[in-house]
Structures are given as structure tokens and as C-alpha cells.
């Protein structure tokens, strides 16, 4: 199926639901209008299967210095991630974020919302770290967890494995960590299901899993 037609059909089918929509991890993001850092209007679908997208929703009237945005854009470009902005004057777009005053939203290249930070608009090194952590978790999950959980976290092929889809809506990141039952080995390593993991890898994969 043509990707643009799919997005158009999805958007039209869900137009009546827009006022009630709030961006939640694991949900497909509607094809709404955004702006790039040069002020040009773009649609989310233009990035589908090409790049991950970070959407910054500034509080109405708030502005970022051009130099800060240029630096942030370069950092994200190096991570194959586009930096876009929610238009302040678009009421429908604000409703997509449940009318929060500001937010940082990460949408993966398949068009699915993965991370939402309500009330915060990250830039510069903070935003770069935010995206790097999620990408690192994605890589760890793909190489070490997907064989049982599946790439999308929906597999139950292995014994005693439950689907992970939607876990971030039910549990906090601290609760997800508890579910792993990590064994404390030393300052650098943890033991999970008989395998050794570095602490940074565990931290990253928890961030990723919370967005499934």
C-alpha cells in the first residue's frame, strides 16, 4: 500500500477523535502539521520510514535562541533524528498533546510515539542524551531481548515471557526495573535471567521498553 495513502486514510478515519487524543507511548501518531527549525510547515508523514522525530511543544509565547536550535538540530541529525516543532497557534495540534503547556515527544521512524515528557522541552546536550538513551535501549533490546520478546515486544515464544506492549502505561520505569529482578553483582554489572548486563545497558533498555 502507498505510504502516503495509508497516512491519509489513518488521518481521515481519526479526525473525529482528535480533540480527545493525547500522545501516549505505543500509539501511532496522527499525521499532523509541524514546523521545522526554519519555520517551514511539514507533515509528520514526510519522515515516515526515514527518520525518528523529536517534537518540541513550547509553551505559548516561549522562544528558543536560534543558536540553541541550530546546535540541537545538528546533534539530532547525527542521531538520524529530525527536530520539529508544534505550532503555537494550532488548537487541534495542542489537543493532540492533551493541551499541556509544553512537552518533548519522541516518535520513531515507523510513526509510533515512544517517549513523552510533559511540561519539559529539552534542547542541546539534554535532548541529545534523551535520544541517545532511547536509541541505546533499542539496540540492546534488539540484540539481547527480541529473541524472546519479539522486535515489537509482542511475542510469547519463550516460556514465562509475557507481552511487553503497553507496559509503560501500566508501570513506572522503577516498577519495570523491579520486574526484571536484577541481581546486584558489582558497580558495573547486573545479572538478569542468567545473563550479565552492564548498568548503562539496563538503564537504556528500561527507557526503551517503557515506550513499547
N, C-alpha and C. Protein backbone atom coordinates (compact mmCIF):
# COMPACT_ATOMS: atom_id res chain seq x y z
N UNK A 1 0.84 -1.20 0.00
CA UNK A 1 0.00 0.00 0.00
C UNK A 1 0.87 1.24 0.00
N UNK A 2 0.48 2.25 -0.78
CA UNK A 2 1.22 3.50 -0.79
C UNK A 2 1.21 4.14 0.59
N UNK A 3 2.42 4.50 1.09
CA UNK A 3 2.54 5.03 2.45
C UNK A 3 1.74 6.30 2.64
N UNK A 4 1.80 7.20 1.66
CA UNK A 4 1.06 8.46 1.80
C UNK A 4 -0.44 8.22 1.87
N UNK A 5 -0.94 7.25 1.08
CA UNK A 5 -2.37 6.93 1.13
C UNK A 5 -2.73 6.34 2.48
N UNK A 6 -1.83 5.52 3.05
CA UNK A 6 -2.10 4.94 4.37
C UNK A 6 -2.25 6.03 5.40
N UNK A 7 -1.30 6.99 5.39
CA UNK A 7 -1.36 8.08 6.36
C UNK A 7 -2.62 8.91 6.18
N UNK A 8 -2.97 9.17 4.90
CA UNK A 8 -4.16 9.98 4.64
C UNK A 8 -5.41 9.27 5.16
N UNK A 9 -5.48 7.94 4.91
CA UNK A 9 -6.63 7.19 5.38
C UNK A 9 -6.70 7.15 6.90
N UNK A 10 -5.54 6.97 7.54
CA UNK A 10 -5.50 6.94 9.00
C UNK A 10 -5.95 8.28 9.57
N UNK A 11 -5.44 9.36 8.99
CA UNK A 11 -5.76 10.70 9.50
C UNK A 11 -7.25 11.00 9.35
N UNK A 12 -7.83 10.69 8.18
CA UNK A 12 -9.24 10.97 7.95
C UNK A 12 -10.13 10.12 8.84
N UNK A 13 -9.72 8.87 9.05
CA UNK A 13 -10.53 7.98 9.88
C UNK A 13 -10.56 8.41 11.33
N UNK A 14 -9.52 9.17 11.75
CA UNK A 14 -9.42 9.56 13.15
C UNK A 14 -9.67 11.03 13.41
N UNK A 15 -10.12 11.76 12.38
CA UNK A 15 -10.34 13.20 12.56
C UNK A 15 -11.32 13.49 13.69
N UNK A 16 -12.37 12.68 13.81
CA UNK A 16 -13.38 12.93 14.84
C UNK A 16 -12.85 12.68 16.23
N UNK A 17 -11.69 11.98 16.33
CA UNK A 17 -11.13 11.65 17.65
C UNK A 17 -10.06 12.63 18.09
N UNK A 18 -9.68 13.57 17.21
CA UNK A 18 -8.56 14.43 17.54
C UNK A 18 -8.70 15.18 18.85
N UNK A 19 -9.87 15.77 19.18
CA UNK A 19 -9.94 16.52 20.43
C UNK A 19 -9.66 15.69 21.68
N UNK A 20 -9.86 14.38 21.59
CA UNK A 20 -9.67 13.53 22.77
C UNK A 20 -8.30 12.87 22.79
N UNK A 21 -7.53 13.04 21.71
CA UNK A 21 -6.26 12.34 21.60
C UNK A 21 -5.20 12.97 22.48
N UNK A 22 -4.46 12.15 23.17
CA UNK A 22 -3.27 12.60 23.89
C UNK A 22 -2.13 11.67 23.52
N UNK A 23 -0.97 12.23 23.19
CA UNK A 23 0.15 11.40 22.77
C UNK A 23 0.56 10.45 23.90
N UNK A 24 0.53 9.15 23.62
CA UNK A 24 0.91 8.15 24.62
C UNK A 24 1.87 7.16 23.98
N UNK A 25 2.88 6.72 24.71
CA UNK A 25 3.82 5.74 24.16
C UNK A 25 3.09 4.50 23.63
N UNK A 26 3.49 4.08 22.45
CA UNK A 26 2.89 2.90 21.83
C UNK A 26 1.78 3.22 20.85
N UNK A 27 1.28 4.45 20.86
CA UNK A 27 0.21 4.85 19.94
C UNK A 27 0.79 5.37 18.62
N UNK A 28 0.12 5.09 17.49
CA UNK A 28 0.52 5.74 16.24
C UNK A 28 0.23 7.23 16.34
N UNK A 29 1.13 8.04 15.85
CA UNK A 29 0.93 9.49 15.87
C UNK A 29 0.17 9.91 14.62
N UNK A 30 -0.94 10.64 14.76
CA UNK A 30 -1.64 11.14 13.57
C UNK A 30 -0.73 12.04 12.73
N UNK A 31 -1.05 12.18 11.48
CA UNK A 31 -0.23 12.95 10.55
C UNK A 31 -0.53 14.44 10.68
N UNK A 32 -0.06 15.06 11.78
CA UNK A 32 -0.40 16.45 12.00
C UNK A 32 0.68 17.39 11.45
N UNK A 33 0.32 18.68 11.36
CA UNK A 33 1.21 19.69 10.79
C UNK A 33 2.18 20.20 11.83
N UNK A 34 3.45 20.27 11.46
CA UNK A 34 4.50 20.74 12.34
C UNK A 34 5.33 21.80 11.60
N UNK A 35 6.34 22.33 12.28
CA UNK A 35 7.27 23.25 11.64
C UNK A 35 8.70 22.78 11.91
N UNK A 36 9.56 22.96 10.90
CA UNK A 36 10.96 22.66 11.15
C UNK A 36 11.62 23.87 11.80
N UNK A 37 12.91 23.80 12.08
CA UNK A 37 13.53 24.89 12.82
C UNK A 37 13.71 26.16 12.00
N UNK A 38 13.39 26.07 10.70
CA UNK A 38 13.42 27.25 9.84
C UNK A 38 12.04 27.87 9.66
N UNK A 39 11.03 27.29 10.34
CA UNK A 39 9.68 27.81 10.28
C UNK A 39 8.84 27.27 9.15
N UNK A 40 9.36 26.33 8.38
CA UNK A 40 8.64 25.76 7.25
C UNK A 40 7.66 24.69 7.74
N UNK A 41 6.42 24.75 7.24
CA UNK A 41 5.41 23.75 7.62
C UNK A 41 5.72 22.41 6.97
N UNK A 42 5.63 21.36 7.77
CA UNK A 42 5.85 19.99 7.27
C UNK A 42 4.82 19.08 7.91
N UNK A 43 4.64 17.92 7.31
CA UNK A 43 3.78 16.91 7.91
C UNK A 43 4.63 15.77 8.45
N UNK A 44 4.16 15.17 9.50
CA UNK A 44 4.91 14.08 10.11
C UNK A 44 5.16 12.95 9.12
N UNK A 45 4.20 12.71 8.23
CA UNK A 45 4.32 11.60 7.28
C UNK A 45 5.51 11.76 6.34
N UNK A 46 6.04 12.98 6.20
CA UNK A 46 7.19 13.20 5.33
C UNK A 46 8.43 12.48 5.86
N UNK A 47 8.42 12.13 7.15
CA UNK A 47 9.58 11.50 7.77
C UNK A 47 9.37 10.00 8.00
N UNK A 48 8.20 9.49 7.64
CA UNK A 48 7.88 8.09 7.89
C UNK A 48 8.87 7.17 7.20
N UNK A 49 9.42 6.22 7.97
CA UNK A 49 10.40 5.24 7.50
C UNK A 49 11.69 5.89 7.00
N UNK A 50 11.93 7.13 7.41
CA UNK A 50 13.16 7.83 7.03
C UNK A 50 13.97 8.22 8.27
N UNK A 51 13.31 8.86 9.22
CA UNK A 51 14.00 9.34 10.41
C UNK A 51 13.08 9.22 11.63
N UNK A 52 13.70 9.15 12.80
CA UNK A 52 12.95 9.37 14.02
C UNK A 52 12.69 10.86 14.12
N UNK A 53 11.72 11.24 14.92
CA UNK A 53 11.34 12.65 15.03
C UNK A 53 11.21 13.03 16.50
N UNK A 54 11.78 14.17 16.87
CA UNK A 54 11.52 14.76 18.18
C UNK A 54 10.65 15.99 17.94
N UNK A 55 9.51 16.04 18.62
CA UNK A 55 8.62 17.19 18.53
C UNK A 55 8.74 17.99 19.83
N UNK A 56 9.08 19.26 19.72
CA UNK A 56 9.12 20.15 20.87
C UNK A 56 7.87 21.03 20.84
N UNK A 57 7.11 20.98 21.91
CA UNK A 57 5.94 21.83 22.06
C UNK A 57 6.26 22.87 23.12
N UNK A 58 6.63 24.07 22.68
CA UNK A 58 6.93 25.14 23.62
C UNK A 58 5.66 25.72 24.19
N UNK A 59 5.74 26.23 25.40
CA UNK A 59 4.61 26.96 25.96
C UNK A 59 4.32 28.16 25.07
N UNK A 60 3.04 28.51 24.87
CA UNK A 60 2.70 29.65 24.01
C UNK A 60 3.49 30.89 24.41
N UNK A 61 4.14 31.51 23.42
CA UNK A 61 4.92 32.71 23.67
C UNK A 61 6.38 32.45 23.99
N UNK A 62 6.72 31.21 24.31
CA UNK A 62 8.12 30.88 24.64
C UNK A 62 8.93 30.77 23.35
N UNK A 63 10.19 31.15 23.41
CA UNK A 63 11.06 31.09 22.25
C UNK A 63 12.42 30.52 22.64
N UNK A 64 13.06 29.90 21.67
CA UNK A 64 14.42 29.40 21.85
C UNK A 64 15.36 30.19 20.96
N UNK A 65 16.55 30.48 21.44
CA UNK A 65 17.53 31.20 20.63
C UNK A 65 17.90 30.38 19.40
N UNK A 66 18.02 31.03 18.23
CA UNK A 66 18.37 30.30 17.01
C UNK A 66 19.64 29.47 17.15
N UNK A 67 20.65 30.01 17.86
CA UNK A 67 21.90 29.27 18.03
C UNK A 67 21.68 27.97 18.79
N UNK A 68 20.78 27.99 19.80
CA UNK A 68 20.47 26.80 20.57
C UNK A 68 19.78 25.77 19.69
N UNK A 69 18.85 26.22 18.86
CA UNK A 69 18.12 25.31 17.98
C UNK A 69 19.03 24.73 16.91
N UNK A 70 19.94 25.54 16.39
CA UNK A 70 20.89 25.03 15.40
C UNK A 70 21.77 23.94 16.01
N UNK A 71 22.25 24.19 17.21
CA UNK A 71 23.08 23.19 17.89
C UNK A 71 22.29 21.92 18.15
N UNK A 72 21.05 22.08 18.61
CA UNK A 72 20.20 20.92 18.88
C UNK A 72 19.92 20.15 17.61
N UNK A 73 19.62 20.89 16.53
CA UNK A 73 19.34 20.23 15.25
C UNK A 73 20.52 19.42 14.76
N UNK A 74 21.73 19.95 14.91
CA UNK A 74 22.93 19.21 14.48
C UNK A 74 23.13 17.95 15.32
N UNK A 75 22.90 18.06 16.63
CA UNK A 75 23.05 16.90 17.49
C UNK A 75 22.08 15.79 17.08
N UNK A 76 20.84 16.15 16.81
CA UNK A 76 19.85 15.14 16.46
C UNK A 76 20.07 14.60 15.06
N UNK A 77 20.53 15.45 14.15
CA UNK A 77 20.80 14.98 12.80
C UNK A 77 21.85 13.88 12.82
N UNK A 78 22.83 14.00 13.71
CA UNK A 78 23.87 12.97 13.84
C UNK A 78 23.29 11.66 14.37
N UNK A 79 22.12 11.74 14.98
CA UNK A 79 21.44 10.55 15.51
C UNK A 79 20.31 10.10 14.59
N UNK A 80 20.32 10.60 13.35
CA UNK A 80 19.30 10.25 12.35
C UNK A 80 17.90 10.59 12.87
N UNK A 81 17.79 11.75 13.51
CA UNK A 81 16.54 12.18 14.12
C UNK A 81 16.26 13.63 13.72
N UNK A 82 15.03 13.90 13.31
CA UNK A 82 14.65 15.25 12.90
C UNK A 82 14.07 16.02 14.08
N UNK A 83 14.33 17.32 14.11
CA UNK A 83 13.80 18.20 15.15
C UNK A 83 12.67 19.03 14.55
N UNK A 84 11.46 18.88 15.12
CA UNK A 84 10.29 19.60 14.64
C UNK A 84 9.59 20.27 15.81
N UNK A 85 8.69 21.20 15.47
CA UNK A 85 8.02 21.99 16.49
C UNK A 85 6.52 22.01 16.27
N UNK A 86 5.80 22.02 17.38
CA UNK A 86 4.35 22.15 17.32
C UNK A 86 4.01 23.62 17.20
N UNK A 87 3.16 23.96 16.25
CA UNK A 87 2.78 25.36 16.05
C UNK A 87 1.94 25.85 17.22
N UNK A 88 2.33 26.99 17.80
CA UNK A 88 1.62 27.54 18.95
C UNK A 88 0.17 27.88 18.64
N UNK A 89 -0.08 28.26 17.38
CA UNK A 89 -1.42 28.77 17.03
C UNK A 89 -2.35 27.69 16.52
N UNK A 90 -1.94 26.43 16.60
CA UNK A 90 -2.78 25.35 16.08
C UNK A 90 -3.50 24.67 17.24
N UNK A 91 -4.79 25.02 17.43
CA UNK A 91 -5.56 24.47 18.54
C UNK A 91 -5.65 22.95 18.47
N UNK A 92 -5.88 22.43 17.26
CA UNK A 92 -6.02 20.98 17.11
C UNK A 92 -4.73 20.28 17.51
N UNK A 93 -3.59 20.85 17.11
CA UNK A 93 -2.32 20.25 17.48
C UNK A 93 -2.11 20.23 18.99
N UNK A 94 -2.53 21.32 19.66
CA UNK A 94 -2.41 21.36 21.11
C UNK A 94 -3.24 20.26 21.75
N UNK A 95 -4.41 19.99 21.18
CA UNK A 95 -5.26 18.93 21.72
C UNK A 95 -4.61 17.57 21.55
N UNK A 96 -3.79 17.43 20.52
CA UNK A 96 -3.08 16.17 20.32
C UNK A 96 -2.17 15.86 21.50
N UNK A 97 -1.72 16.90 22.19
CA UNK A 97 -0.87 16.72 23.36
C UNK A 97 -1.63 16.94 24.65
N UNK A 98 -2.95 16.82 24.57
CA UNK A 98 -3.80 16.93 25.76
C UNK A 98 -3.68 18.31 26.40
N UNK A 99 -3.40 19.33 25.54
CA UNK A 99 -3.36 20.72 25.99
C UNK A 99 -2.33 21.01 27.08
N UNK A 100 -1.27 20.21 27.17
CA UNK A 100 -0.20 20.56 28.10
C UNK A 100 0.50 21.81 27.60
N UNK A 101 1.07 22.58 28.51
CA UNK A 101 1.69 23.84 28.10
C UNK A 101 2.96 23.63 27.31
N UNK A 102 3.68 22.54 27.58
CA UNK A 102 4.91 22.25 26.85
C UNK A 102 5.19 20.74 26.95
N UNK A 103 5.99 20.24 26.02
CA UNK A 103 6.30 18.80 26.03
C UNK A 103 7.43 18.50 25.06
N UNK A 104 8.09 17.38 25.31
CA UNK A 104 9.06 16.80 24.38
C UNK A 104 8.54 15.41 24.01
N UNK A 105 8.37 15.16 22.72
CA UNK A 105 7.79 13.90 22.26
C UNK A 105 8.73 13.24 21.26
N UNK A 106 9.04 11.98 21.48
CA UNK A 106 9.87 11.21 20.56
C UNK A 106 8.98 10.24 19.79
N UNK A 107 9.05 10.32 18.46
CA UNK A 107 8.27 9.46 17.57
C UNK A 107 9.25 8.68 16.72
N UNK A 108 9.13 7.35 16.69
CA UNK A 108 10.10 6.58 15.93
C UNK A 108 9.81 6.63 14.44
N UNK A 109 10.70 6.06 13.63
CA UNK A 109 10.58 6.18 12.19
C UNK A 109 9.38 5.44 11.62
N UNK A 110 8.75 4.58 12.42
CA UNK A 110 7.53 3.91 11.96
C UNK A 110 6.29 4.73 12.26
N UNK A 111 6.46 5.90 12.90
CA UNK A 111 5.33 6.78 13.19
C UNK A 111 4.65 6.51 14.51
N UNK A 112 5.33 5.79 15.42
CA UNK A 112 4.75 5.45 16.71
C UNK A 112 5.37 6.32 17.81
N UNK A 113 4.54 6.84 18.69
CA UNK A 113 5.01 7.64 19.82
C UNK A 113 5.76 6.71 20.78
N UNK A 114 6.98 7.11 21.18
CA UNK A 114 7.78 6.26 22.06
C UNK A 114 8.08 6.89 23.41
N UNK A 115 8.25 8.18 23.46
CA UNK A 115 8.53 8.84 24.73
C UNK A 115 7.79 10.18 24.78
N UNK A 116 7.24 10.52 25.94
CA UNK A 116 6.56 11.80 26.14
C UNK A 116 7.02 12.39 27.46
N UNK A 117 7.55 13.60 27.42
CA UNK A 117 7.94 14.32 28.63
C UNK A 117 7.04 15.55 28.75
N UNK A 118 5.91 15.43 29.42
CA UNK A 118 5.02 16.59 29.56
C UNK A 118 5.64 17.66 30.45
N UNK A 119 5.45 18.91 30.06
CA UNK A 119 5.95 20.02 30.87
C UNK A 119 7.43 20.31 30.69
N UNK A 120 8.09 19.63 29.73
CA UNK A 120 9.53 19.84 29.53
C UNK A 120 9.85 19.92 28.04
N UNK A 121 10.63 20.91 27.65
CA UNK A 121 11.14 20.99 26.28
C UNK A 121 12.67 20.97 26.36
N UNK A 122 13.24 19.81 26.06
CA UNK A 122 14.68 19.63 26.12
C UNK A 122 15.36 20.20 24.88
N UNK A 123 16.57 20.70 25.05
CA UNK A 123 17.37 21.16 23.92
C UNK A 123 18.83 20.83 24.19
N UNK A 124 19.66 21.02 23.16
CA UNK A 124 21.10 20.86 23.30
C UNK A 124 21.52 19.49 23.81
N UNK A 125 22.52 19.43 24.68
CA UNK A 125 23.03 18.15 25.18
C UNK A 125 21.96 17.32 25.89
N UNK A 126 21.02 17.98 26.58
CA UNK A 126 19.97 17.25 27.30
C UNK A 126 19.10 16.46 26.33
N UNK A 127 18.74 17.09 25.23
CA UNK A 127 17.91 16.41 24.24
C UNK A 127 18.71 15.33 23.52
N UNK A 128 19.98 15.61 23.24
CA UNK A 128 20.83 14.60 22.62
C UNK A 128 20.95 13.36 23.49
N UNK A 129 21.13 13.57 24.80
CA UNK A 129 21.23 12.44 25.73
C UNK A 129 19.91 11.67 25.78
N UNK A 130 18.80 12.38 25.78
CA UNK A 130 17.47 11.77 25.81
C UNK A 130 17.29 10.81 24.63
N UNK A 131 17.67 11.27 23.44
CA UNK A 131 17.52 10.43 22.24
C UNK A 131 18.54 9.30 22.23
N UNK A 132 19.78 9.59 22.62
CA UNK A 132 20.81 8.55 22.66
C UNK A 132 20.44 7.41 23.59
N UNK A 133 19.87 7.75 24.73
CA UNK A 133 19.48 6.73 25.70
C UNK A 133 18.42 5.80 25.11
N UNK A 134 17.43 6.39 24.42
CA UNK A 134 16.38 5.58 23.80
C UNK A 134 16.97 4.71 22.69
N UNK A 135 17.82 5.29 21.85
CA UNK A 135 18.43 4.52 20.76
C UNK A 135 19.31 3.39 21.30
N UNK A 136 20.04 3.66 22.38
CA UNK A 136 20.85 2.62 23.00
C UNK A 136 19.98 1.49 23.53
N UNK A 137 18.88 1.85 24.17
CA UNK A 137 17.95 0.84 24.67
C UNK A 137 17.35 0.02 23.55
N UNK A 138 17.05 0.68 22.44
CA UNK A 138 16.52 -0.02 21.26
C UNK A 138 17.52 -1.04 20.75
N UNK A 139 18.80 -0.65 20.69
CA UNK A 139 19.84 -1.55 20.20
C UNK A 139 20.02 -2.74 21.14
N UNK A 140 20.04 -2.50 22.45
CA UNK A 140 20.20 -3.59 23.42
C UNK A 140 19.01 -4.54 23.34
N UNK A 141 17.81 -3.97 23.26
CA UNK A 141 16.62 -4.80 23.19
C UNK A 141 16.65 -5.68 21.94
N UNK A 142 17.03 -5.09 20.81
CA UNK A 142 17.04 -5.82 19.55
C UNK A 142 18.03 -6.98 19.57
N UNK A 143 19.20 -6.78 20.19
CA UNK A 143 20.23 -7.82 20.17
C UNK A 143 20.10 -8.83 21.30
N UNK A 144 19.49 -8.44 22.42
CA UNK A 144 19.51 -9.33 23.58
C UNK A 144 18.13 -9.74 24.09
N UNK A 145 17.10 -9.01 23.73
CA UNK A 145 15.77 -9.28 24.29
C UNK A 145 14.76 -9.74 23.24
N UNK A 146 14.94 -9.28 21.99
CA UNK A 146 13.93 -9.53 20.96
C UNK A 146 13.78 -11.00 20.60
N UNK A 147 14.81 -11.81 20.87
CA UNK A 147 14.71 -13.22 20.50
C UNK A 147 13.58 -13.92 21.26
N UNK A 148 13.23 -13.41 22.43
CA UNK A 148 12.10 -13.96 23.17
C UNK A 148 10.88 -13.04 23.12
N UNK A 149 11.13 -11.74 23.22
CA UNK A 149 10.02 -10.79 23.30
C UNK A 149 9.53 -10.30 21.94
N UNK A 150 10.31 -10.55 20.87
CA UNK A 150 9.96 -10.04 19.56
C UNK A 150 10.40 -8.60 19.42
N UNK A 151 10.61 -8.15 18.18
CA UNK A 151 11.10 -6.80 17.94
C UNK A 151 10.15 -5.73 18.48
N UNK A 152 8.85 -6.04 18.48
CA UNK A 152 7.86 -5.08 18.97
C UNK A 152 7.38 -5.37 20.38
N UNK A 153 8.02 -6.35 21.03
CA UNK A 153 7.64 -6.67 22.40
C UNK A 153 6.33 -7.42 22.53
N UNK A 154 5.86 -8.03 21.43
CA UNK A 154 4.55 -8.68 21.47
C UNK A 154 4.63 -10.20 21.37
N UNK A 155 5.83 -10.76 21.47
CA UNK A 155 5.99 -12.20 21.32
C UNK A 155 5.93 -12.92 22.67
N UNK A 156 5.44 -14.16 22.63
CA UNK A 156 5.43 -15.01 23.83
C UNK A 156 6.05 -16.37 23.48
N UNK A 157 6.99 -16.35 22.54
CA UNK A 157 7.57 -17.59 22.05
C UNK A 157 8.36 -18.34 23.12
N UNK A 158 8.95 -17.61 24.07
CA UNK A 158 9.72 -18.25 25.13
C UNK A 158 8.85 -18.49 26.36
N UNK A 159 9.19 -19.52 27.12
CA UNK A 159 8.44 -19.83 28.33
C UNK A 159 8.56 -18.70 29.35
N UNK A 160 7.49 -18.46 30.09
CA UNK A 160 7.46 -17.46 31.16
C UNK A 160 7.70 -16.04 30.67
N UNK A 161 7.45 -15.79 29.39
CA UNK A 161 7.61 -14.45 28.83
C UNK A 161 6.24 -13.88 28.50
N UNK A 162 5.95 -12.70 29.02
CA UNK A 162 4.68 -12.04 28.77
C UNK A 162 4.88 -10.90 27.79
N UNK A 163 3.84 -10.54 27.02
CA UNK A 163 3.98 -9.42 26.09
C UNK A 163 4.34 -8.13 26.84
N UNK A 164 5.18 -7.33 26.21
CA UNK A 164 5.62 -6.08 26.82
C UNK A 164 4.87 -4.87 26.27
N UNK A 165 4.06 -5.09 25.26
CA UNK A 165 3.34 -3.97 24.64
C UNK A 165 2.46 -3.26 25.67
N UNK A 166 2.63 -1.96 25.78
CA UNK A 166 1.81 -1.17 26.70
C UNK A 166 2.29 -1.18 28.14
N UNK A 167 3.44 -1.78 28.41
CA UNK A 167 3.89 -1.89 29.80
C UNK A 167 4.16 -0.51 30.41
N UNK A 168 4.60 0.44 29.58
CA UNK A 168 4.88 1.77 30.09
C UNK A 168 3.65 2.53 30.54
N UNK A 169 2.48 2.07 30.11
CA UNK A 169 1.23 2.70 30.55
C UNK A 169 0.77 2.14 31.89
N UNK A 170 1.24 0.92 32.19
CA UNK A 170 0.82 0.25 33.42
C UNK A 170 1.81 0.42 34.56
N UNK A 171 3.08 0.52 34.20
CA UNK A 171 4.13 0.55 35.22
C UNK A 171 5.07 1.72 35.02
N UNK A 172 5.61 2.23 36.10
CA UNK A 172 6.65 3.25 36.02
C UNK A 172 7.96 2.57 35.63
N UNK A 173 8.97 3.37 35.29
CA UNK A 173 10.27 2.79 34.96
C UNK A 173 10.87 2.06 36.17
N UNK A 174 10.64 2.58 37.36
CA UNK A 174 11.13 1.92 38.57
C UNK A 174 10.46 0.56 38.74
N UNK A 175 9.17 0.47 38.43
CA UNK A 175 8.45 -0.80 38.55
C UNK A 175 8.90 -1.79 37.49
N UNK A 176 9.21 -1.29 36.29
CA UNK A 176 9.73 -2.16 35.23
C UNK A 176 11.06 -2.75 35.67
N UNK A 177 11.90 -1.94 36.30
CA UNK A 177 13.18 -2.42 36.79
C UNK A 177 12.98 -3.54 37.81
N UNK A 178 12.02 -3.36 38.70
CA UNK A 178 11.74 -4.39 39.71
C UNK A 178 11.31 -5.70 39.05
N UNK A 179 10.52 -5.60 37.98
CA UNK A 179 10.05 -6.80 37.28
C UNK A 179 11.20 -7.61 36.68
N UNK A 180 12.32 -6.94 36.41
CA UNK A 180 13.47 -7.65 35.84
C UNK A 180 14.18 -8.51 36.88
N UNK A 181 13.93 -8.24 38.17
CA UNK A 181 14.59 -8.95 39.26
C UNK A 181 16.11 -8.98 39.06
N UNK A 182 16.73 -7.82 38.91
CA UNK A 182 18.17 -7.80 38.65
C UNK A 182 18.98 -8.25 39.87
N UNK A 183 19.99 -9.04 39.59
CA UNK A 183 20.89 -9.45 40.66
C UNK A 183 22.08 -8.51 40.73
N UNK A 184 22.33 -7.95 41.89
CA UNK A 184 23.42 -7.00 42.07
C UNK A 184 24.75 -7.74 42.15
N UNK A 185 25.60 -7.55 41.17
CA UNK A 185 26.90 -8.20 41.16
C UNK A 185 28.01 -7.27 41.65
N UNK A 186 28.09 -6.09 41.04
CA UNK A 186 29.08 -5.10 41.42
C UNK A 186 28.63 -3.73 40.91
N UNK A 187 29.52 -2.75 40.92
CA UNK A 187 29.15 -1.40 40.49
C UNK A 187 28.89 -1.31 39.00
N UNK A 188 29.35 -2.29 38.25
CA UNK A 188 29.26 -2.20 36.79
C UNK A 188 28.27 -3.18 36.16
N UNK A 189 27.97 -4.28 36.84
CA UNK A 189 27.20 -5.34 36.20
C UNK A 189 26.00 -5.80 37.03
N UNK A 190 24.98 -6.28 36.28
CA UNK A 190 23.80 -6.88 36.88
C UNK A 190 23.58 -8.24 36.23
N UNK A 191 22.94 -9.13 36.96
CA UNK A 191 22.61 -10.45 36.44
C UNK A 191 21.10 -10.53 36.27
N UNK A 192 20.63 -10.77 35.04
CA UNK A 192 19.21 -10.86 34.74
C UNK A 192 18.95 -12.13 33.93
N UNK A 193 18.13 -13.01 34.46
CA UNK A 193 17.80 -14.27 33.79
C UNK A 193 19.07 -15.03 33.36
N UNK A 194 20.04 -15.03 34.24
CA UNK A 194 21.25 -15.80 33.99
C UNK A 194 22.23 -15.15 33.04
N UNK A 195 22.00 -13.91 32.64
CA UNK A 195 22.91 -13.23 31.72
C UNK A 195 23.43 -11.95 32.36
N UNK A 196 24.65 -11.57 31.99
CA UNK A 196 25.28 -10.37 32.52
C UNK A 196 24.91 -9.16 31.66
N UNK A 197 24.57 -8.06 32.33
CA UNK A 197 24.26 -6.80 31.66
C UNK A 197 25.00 -5.66 32.37
N UNK A 198 25.47 -4.70 31.59
CA UNK A 198 26.05 -3.51 32.22
C UNK A 198 24.91 -2.65 32.74
N UNK A 199 25.19 -1.86 33.76
CA UNK A 199 24.16 -0.98 34.31
C UNK A 199 23.64 0.03 33.27
N UNK A 200 24.52 0.66 32.47
CA UNK A 200 24.00 1.57 31.45
C UNK A 200 23.08 0.89 30.45
N UNK A 201 23.38 -0.37 30.08
CA UNK A 201 22.51 -1.10 29.15
C UNK A 201 21.14 -1.35 29.77
N UNK A 202 21.11 -1.70 31.04
CA UNK A 202 19.84 -1.94 31.72
C UNK A 202 19.03 -0.65 31.81
N UNK A 203 19.69 0.44 32.16
CA UNK A 203 19.00 1.73 32.24
C UNK A 203 18.39 2.09 30.89
N UNK A 204 19.16 1.89 29.82
CA UNK A 204 18.69 2.24 28.48
C UNK A 204 17.54 1.37 28.02
N UNK A 205 17.63 0.06 28.27
CA UNK A 205 16.59 -0.83 27.79
C UNK A 205 15.28 -0.59 28.53
N UNK A 206 15.35 -0.16 29.79
CA UNK A 206 14.14 0.17 30.54
C UNK A 206 13.45 1.37 29.90
N UNK A 207 14.24 2.37 29.51
CA UNK A 207 13.69 3.54 28.82
C UNK A 207 13.02 3.12 27.52
N UNK A 208 13.64 2.22 26.78
CA UNK A 208 13.07 1.77 25.52
C UNK A 208 11.79 0.95 25.74
N UNK A 209 11.84 0.02 26.66
CA UNK A 209 10.70 -0.86 26.91
C UNK A 209 9.48 -0.05 27.38
N UNK A 210 9.71 1.02 28.13
CA UNK A 210 8.60 1.85 28.62
C UNK A 210 7.84 2.51 27.48
N UNK A 211 8.41 2.51 26.27
CA UNK A 211 7.73 3.10 25.13
C UNK A 211 7.10 2.10 24.18
N UNK A 212 7.12 0.82 24.53
CA UNK A 212 6.54 -0.19 23.64
C UNK A 212 5.01 -0.19 23.70
